[in-house]
Amino acid sequence: MNLDFNKNKDGLLPVIVQDSDTKVVLMQAYMNQEALQKTIDTHQVTFFSRSKNRLWTKGETSGNFLILQKILPDCDNDALLIYAKPKGVVCHTGNETCFNEKNETNFLDKLQAIIKERKNSTDENSYTKKLFEKGINKIAQKVGEEAIEVVIEAKDDNADLFKNECADLLFHFLILLEAKNTKLDEIIDILKERHK
């Protein structure tokens, strides 16, 4: 990255932080070169606090760190987009984001993250973990069973049952994608390509 820290007199670049899983915008702050380097070195997102006049690692007092995933400069190399995994709420007000955005449109991204977390969980009571432990054949079988139940309910007139079976199918399909190390975005990319 060839960033232009000299564009602003204070040597700071604006930074937007986005949740790497849900793509929800979490917050906006500023970085100088030292803050950027510390972020890269520690993988904990660090800013330059204009009010404290020092480096400030998000979460240093609350424990709600932002774990670095990716850094992207803008086209002019004078602003940054950071993808991070939040460890707890982001805003000092207790909200998930500083913009108080509700994460409803990106729920599937969040659900994928939960499925991945459950796969690696030590919770022996987790249905999802148990399914992963049974292996790919059981996961694929479960997707097939749910697909058949969707077809059966589609032929009836009970909208609630149909919707619930669709939800079961989608959930198990996401488990299958995780088992195959595939993101839903990859499937969406194929659909977009076909649409062209």
Protein backbone atom coordinates (compact mmCIF):
# COMPACT_ATOMS: atom_id res chain seq x y z
CA MET A 1 0.00 0.00 0.00
CA ASN A 2 1.31 3.41 -0.97
CA LEU A 3 -0.83 5.55 1.32
CA ASP A 4 -0.85 9.35 1.25
CA PHE A 5 -0.63 10.30 4.93
CA ASN A 6 0.46 13.82 3.93
CA LYS A 7 -2.82 14.71 2.22
CA ASN A 8 -4.21 15.98 5.54
CA LYS A 9 -2.13 18.33 7.68
CA ASP A 10 -2.54 16.14 10.75
CA GLY A 11 -1.18 13.04 8.94
CA LEU A 12 -4.37 11.09 9.59
CA LEU A 13 -6.42 8.99 7.20
CA PRO A 14 -10.12 8.29 7.70
CA VAL A 15 -10.89 4.62 8.31
CA ILE A 16 -14.17 2.77 7.91
CA VAL A 17 -14.42 -0.54 9.76
CA GLN A 18 -16.75 -3.18 8.42
CA ASP A 19 -17.68 -6.56 9.93
CA SER A 20 -15.84 -9.13 7.82
CA ASP A 21 -18.69 -11.64 8.14
CA THR A 22 -21.84 -9.54 7.91
CA LYS A 23 -20.43 -6.57 5.94
CA VAL A 24 -22.20 -4.20 8.35
CA VAL A 25 -20.36 -0.88 8.80
CA LEU A 26 -19.22 -0.80 12.43
CA MET A 27 -17.49 2.54 12.93
CA GLN A 28 -15.35 5.34 11.50
CA ALA A 29 -12.09 6.63 13.01
CA TYR A 30 -8.59 7.80 11.98
CA MET A 31 -5.16 6.23 11.61
CA ASN A 32 -1.68 7.60 11.30
CA GLN A 33 1.24 5.51 10.03
CA GLU A 34 2.06 4.24 13.50
CA ALA A 35 -1.52 3.12 14.16
CA LEU A 36 -1.64 1.31 10.82
CA GLN A 37 1.65 -0.48 11.54
CA LYS A 38 0.49 -1.52 15.01
CA THR A 39 -2.76 -2.83 13.50
CA ILE A 40 -0.80 -4.91 10.99
CA ASP A 41 1.65 -6.17 13.64
CA THR A 42 -0.89 -7.09 16.33
CA HIS A 43 -4.02 -7.85 14.23
CA GLN A 44 -5.94 -5.70 16.72
CA VAL A 45 -7.33 -2.62 14.99
CA THR A 46 -5.62 0.47 16.41
CA PHE A 47 -6.47 4.10 15.68
CA PHE A 48 -5.08 7.51 16.45
CA SER A 49 -7.46 9.11 18.94
CA ARG A 50 -7.77 12.83 18.25
CA SER A 51 -9.38 13.44 21.65
CA LYS A 52 -6.71 11.49 23.59
CA ASN A 53 -3.91 12.55 21.23
CA ARG A 54 -2.41 9.05 21.24
CA LEU A 55 -2.70 5.59 19.73
CA TRP A 56 -5.85 3.82 20.82
CA THR A 57 -6.48 0.11 20.32
CA LYS A 58 -10.22 -0.50 20.06
CA GLY A 59 -11.11 -2.65 23.06
CA GLU A 60 -8.14 -1.73 25.22
CA THR A 61 -10.46 -0.91 28.15
CA SER A 62 -13.68 -2.75 27.21
CA GLY A 63 -12.14 -5.95 25.86
CA ASN A 64 -14.28 -5.51 22.72
CA PHE A 65 -11.40 -5.74 20.25
CA LEU A 66 -11.63 -5.57 16.47
CA ILE A 67 -9.61 -8.43 14.99
CA LEU A 68 -8.07 -7.45 11.66
CA GLN A 69 -9.01 -9.52 8.61
CA LYS A 70 -8.17 -7.27 5.64
CA ILE A 71 -7.15 -3.69 4.82
CA LEU A 72 -8.13 -1.98 1.56
CA PRO A 73 -7.05 1.53 0.50
CA ASP A 74 -9.40 3.65 -1.58
CA CYS A 75 -8.57 4.69 -5.16
CA ASP A 76 -6.75 7.85 -4.01
CA ASN A 77 -4.76 6.07 -1.27
CA ASP A 78 -6.05 8.56 1.32
CA ALA A 79 -8.72 6.48 3.12
CA LEU A 80 -8.94 2.90 4.36
CA LEU A 81 -11.57 0.20 4.57
CA ILE A 82 -10.82 -2.37 7.25
CA TYR A 83 -12.60 -5.70 7.50
CA ALA A 84 -12.54 -6.95 11.09
CA LYS A 85 -14.18 -9.46 13.40
CA PRO A 86 -15.69 -7.64 16.38
CA LYS A 87 -15.27 -9.23 19.80
CA GLY A 88 -18.35 -7.77 21.45
CA VAL A 89 -20.25 -4.55 20.81
CA VAL A 90 -18.40 -1.81 18.95
CA CYS A 91 -19.98 1.44 20.10
CA HIS A 92 -19.31 2.99 23.51
CA THR A 93 -23.09 3.37 23.84
CA GLY A 94 -23.48 -0.42 23.95
CA ASN A 95 -24.82 -0.70 20.40
CA GLU A 96 -23.41 -3.26 17.99
CA THR A 97 -22.32 -0.45 15.65
CA CYS A 98 -21.66 3.27 15.97
CA PHE A 99 -24.34 3.77 13.31
CA ASN A 100 -26.85 1.62 15.22
CA GLU A 101 -27.47 -0.37 12.05
CA LYS A 102 -29.68 -3.39 12.41
CA ASN A 103 -28.11 -6.47 10.89
CA GLU A 104 -31.19 -7.96 9.30
CA THR A 105 -30.31 -7.81 5.61
CA ASN A 106 -27.04 -9.65 6.21
CA PHE A 107 -28.46 -12.31 8.49
CA LEU A 108 -27.31 -15.14 6.22
CA ASP A 109 -23.71 -13.93 6.56
CA LYS A 110 -24.13 -13.90 10.33
CA LEU A 111 -25.71 -17.36 10.26
CA GLN A 112 -22.76 -18.69 8.25
CA ALA A 113 -20.41 -17.31 10.89
CA ILE A 114 -22.45 -18.95 13.67
CA ILE A 115 -22.40 -22.29 11.83
CA LYS A 116 -18.61 -22.09 11.46
CA GLU A 117 -18.28 -21.21 15.15
CA ARG A 118 -20.49 -24.16 16.16
CA LYS A 119 -18.49 -26.52 13.93
CA ASN A 120 -15.37 -25.68 15.93
CA SER A 121 -17.20 -25.48 19.26
CA THR A 122 -16.57 -27.71 22.26
CA ASP A 123 -20.29 -27.65 23.15
CA GLU A 124 -21.33 -31.28 22.93
CA ASN A 125 -25.02 -30.27 23.11
CA SER A 126 -24.86 -28.29 19.86
CA TYR A 127 -27.02 -29.85 17.13
CA THR A 128 -24.81 -28.27 14.48
CA LYS A 129 -21.59 -29.62 16.02
CA LYS A 130 -23.10 -33.12 16.27
CA LEU A 131 -24.08 -32.98 12.61
CA PHE A 132 -20.53 -32.01 11.59
CA GLU A 133 -19.15 -34.86 13.69
CA LYS A 134 -21.36 -37.34 11.80
CA GLY A 135 -19.62 -36.33 8.57
CA ILE A 136 -20.40 -35.23 5.05
CA ASN A 137 -22.67 -38.16 4.20
CA LYS A 138 -25.03 -37.37 7.08
CA ILE A 139 -24.99 -33.65 6.27
CA ALA A 140 -25.79 -34.31 2.59
CA GLN A 141 -28.51 -36.78 3.60
CA LYS A 142 -30.06 -34.16 5.88
CA VAL A 143 -30.13 -31.61 3.03
CA GLY A 144 -31.89 -34.22 0.86
CA GLU A 145 -34.45 -34.94 3.58
CA GLU A 146 -35.18 -31.25 4.05
CA ALA A 147 -35.54 -30.76 0.27
CA ILE A 148 -38.11 -33.55 0.12
CA GLU A 149 -40.03 -31.98 3.01
CA VAL A 150 -40.09 -28.66 1.14
CA VAL A 151 -41.52 -30.40 -1.94
CA ILE A 152 -44.20 -32.13 0.18
CA GLU A 153 -45.23 -28.89 1.91
CA ALA A 154 -45.23 -27.00 -1.42
CA LYS A 155 -48.05 -29.28 -2.60
CA ASP A 156 -50.18 -28.43 0.47
CA ASP A 157 -51.85 -25.18 1.49
CA ASN A 158 -50.18 -24.56 4.86
CA ALA A 159 -47.95 -21.51 4.25
CA ASP A 160 -46.40 -21.63 7.73
CA LEU A 161 -45.27 -25.25 7.38
CA PHE A 162 -43.90 -24.53 3.91
CA LYS A 163 -41.89 -21.53 5.17
CA ASN A 164 -40.53 -23.51 8.12
CA GLU A 165 -39.42 -26.37 5.89
CA CYS A 166 -37.74 -23.83 3.56
CA ALA A 167 -35.91 -22.39 6.58
CA ASP A 168 -34.77 -25.90 7.60
CA LEU A 169 -33.52 -26.56 4.07
CA LEU A 170 -31.62 -23.28 3.89
CA PHE A 171 -30.04 -23.86 7.30
CA HIS A 172 -28.86 -27.36 6.38
CA PHE A 173 -27.67 -26.13 2.98
CA LEU A 174 -25.46 -23.58 4.77
CA ILE A 175 -24.10 -26.40 6.95
CA LEU A 176 -23.30 -28.37 3.79
CA LEU A 177 -21.51 -25.36 2.29
CA GLU A 178 -19.40 -25.01 5.45
CA ALA A 179 -18.59 -28.73 5.37
CA LYS A 180 -17.38 -28.26 1.79
CA ASN A 181 -15.41 -25.08 2.70
CA THR A 182 -17.60 -23.05 0.37
CA LYS A 183 -19.09 -19.61 1.04
CA LEU A 184 -22.62 -18.70 0.01
CA ASP A 185 -21.07 -15.72 -1.82
CA GLU A 186 -19.32 -18.17 -4.15
CA ILE A 187 -22.67 -19.66 -5.13
CA ILE A 188 -24.13 -16.18 -5.55
CA ASP A 189 -21.18 -15.28 -7.82
CA ILE A 190 -22.05 -18.24 -10.06
CA LEU A 191 -25.67 -17.08 -10.25
CA LYS A 192 -24.53 -13.55 -11.11
CA GLU A 193 -22.27 -14.90 -13.85
CA ARG A 194 -25.15 -16.95 -15.29
CA HIS A 195 -27.38 -13.89 -15.18
CA LYS A 196 -25.01 -12.05 -17.54
